Amino acid sequence: MIIVSILRRNDNGIAGFEVEGHAGYAKAGEDIVCAGVSAVTVGTVNSIEALTGIVMDSRMKNGFLSANLPNAAQTEAGEQAQLLLASLVVMLKSIEESYGKYIQIQDVII
């Protein structure tokens, strides 16, 4: 199962996210759930960096991705990053609605 933790600040802003695990929907290379989650999470990190100029503190290895906004992201660019992160949550919840047996999304207050 893929576990997605949306890291939220006390003001409900999104500080970052962590994704861990494998869906197990199909064998490696054919798992559409893993591919979908990977595409939207990595795509969001790339979009934030390309469109806002904010470089997220990110780490990725097999079955794990962690991405966090730097504290300096409290600017107009930071607001744009918040919109992209909110969009990520919508996309992940869409995947969860269809494949809830293979993915779980949780909010974590930091």
Protein backbone atom coordinates (compact mmCIF):
# COMPACT_ATOMS: atom_id res chain seq x y z
CA MET A 1 0.00 0.00 0.00
CA ILE A 2 1.09 3.56 -0.70
CA ILE A 3 0.85 5.89 2.30
CA VAL A 4 0.76 9.62 1.51
CA SER A 5 1.27 12.06 4.38
CA ILE A 6 0.29 15.64 3.65
CA LEU A 7 2.31 17.77 6.06
CA ARG A 8 0.16 20.67 7.20
CA ARG A 9 1.06 23.70 9.26
CA ASN A 10 -1.22 24.92 12.04
CA ASP A 11 -2.67 27.51 9.62
CA ASN A 12 -3.71 24.59 7.33
CA GLY A 13 -1.07 25.53 4.75
CA ILE A 14 0.83 22.62 3.24
CA ALA A 15 4.49 22.43 4.29
CA GLY A 16 5.24 19.38 2.16
CA PHE A 17 4.41 15.72 1.72
CA GLU A 18 5.83 12.22 2.04
CA VAL A 19 4.96 9.19 -0.07
CA GLU A 20 6.02 5.73 1.00
CA GLY A 21 5.41 2.20 -0.20
CA HIS A 22 4.25 0.38 -3.29
CA ALA A 23 0.65 -0.11 -4.33
CA GLY A 24 0.85 -3.79 -5.22
CA TYR A 25 -1.89 -3.29 -7.81
CA ALA A 26 0.15 -5.07 -10.50
CA LYS A 27 3.71 -6.26 -11.04
CA ALA A 28 6.51 -3.71 -11.29
CA GLY A 29 6.40 -1.81 -14.55
CA GLU A 30 2.67 -2.40 -14.98
CA ASP A 31 1.32 -0.88 -11.76
CA ILE A 32 -0.90 2.02 -12.82
CA VAL A 33 -1.49 3.14 -9.23
CA CYS A 34 2.23 3.51 -8.52
CA ALA A 35 2.74 5.18 -11.89
CA GLY A 36 -0.10 7.64 -11.27
CA VAL A 37 1.08 8.57 -7.79
CA SER A 38 4.66 8.94 -9.00
CA ALA A 39 3.60 11.11 -11.92
CA VAL A 40 1.54 13.55 -9.88
CA THR A 41 3.97 13.81 -6.94
CA VAL A 42 7.17 14.19 -8.94
CA GLY A 43 5.32 16.41 -11.42
CA THR A 44 4.19 18.67 -8.58
CA VAL A 45 7.74 19.07 -7.24
CA ASN A 46 8.99 19.83 -10.75
CA SER A 47 6.11 22.29 -11.35
CA ILE A 48 6.75 24.17 -8.12
CA GLU A 49 10.41 24.53 -8.96
CA ALA A 50 9.84 25.49 -12.61
CA LEU A 51 6.87 27.83 -12.11
CA THR A 52 7.64 29.49 -8.78
CA GLY A 53 11.42 29.28 -8.54
CA ILE A 54 11.11 27.67 -5.10
CA VAL A 55 13.43 24.69 -4.74
CA MET A 56 11.82 22.12 -2.48
CA ASP A 57 13.92 20.10 -0.06
CA SER A 58 13.27 16.71 -1.63
CA ARG A 59 14.60 13.19 -1.24
CA MET A 60 13.68 10.23 -3.40
CA LYS A 61 14.59 6.56 -3.33
CA ASN A 62 12.81 3.37 -4.25
CA GLY A 63 9.27 3.61 -2.89
CA PHE A 64 9.85 6.90 -1.05
CA LEU A 65 9.54 10.61 -1.86
CA SER A 66 9.74 13.44 0.64
CA ALA A 67 9.33 17.08 -0.44
CA ASN A 68 9.18 20.11 1.83
CA LEU A 69 8.87 23.82 1.15
CA PRO A 70 11.64 25.97 2.61
CA ASN A 71 10.61 28.48 5.28
CA ALA A 72 11.40 31.31 2.87
CA ALA A 73 8.40 30.25 0.77
CA GLN A 74 6.09 32.75 2.57
CA THR A 75 5.91 35.01 -0.49
CA GLU A 76 3.76 35.37 -3.60
CA ALA A 77 5.70 32.43 -5.03
CA GLY A 78 4.86 30.56 -1.83
CA GLU A 79 1.17 31.21 -2.42
CA GLN A 80 1.53 29.80 -5.92
CA ALA A 81 3.29 26.76 -4.46
CA GLN A 82 0.35 26.33 -2.05
CA LEU A 83 -2.05 26.21 -5.00
CA LEU A 84 0.07 23.57 -6.72
CA LEU A 85 0.25 21.52 -3.51
CA ALA A 86 -3.53 21.82 -3.05
CA SER A 87 -3.89 20.57 -6.62
CA LEU A 88 -1.66 17.61 -5.75
CA VAL A 89 -4.02 16.70 -2.91
CA VAL A 90 -7.00 16.81 -5.28
CA MET A 91 -5.21 14.55 -7.77
CA LEU A 92 -4.17 12.08 -5.07
CA LYS A 93 -7.69 11.97 -3.64
CA SER A 94 -9.00 11.19 -7.13
CA ILE A 95 -6.64 8.23 -7.28
CA GLU A 96 -7.68 7.21 -3.76
CA GLU A 97 -11.37 7.29 -4.75
CA SER A 98 -10.74 4.78 -7.52
CA TYR A 99 -8.00 2.67 -5.91
CA GLY A 100 -8.52 3.14 -2.16
CA LYS A 101 -7.39 -0.40 -1.45
CA TYR A 102 -3.91 0.53 -2.68
CA ILE A 103 -3.41 4.11 -1.44
CA GLN A 104 -4.15 5.95 1.79
CA ILE A 105 -3.86 9.72 2.25
CA GLN A 106 -3.50 11.27 5.69
CA ASP A 107 -3.04 14.80 6.99
CA VAL A 108 -0.25 15.27 9.50
CA ILE A 109 -0.09 18.52 11.49
CA ILE A 110 3.52 19.58 12.01
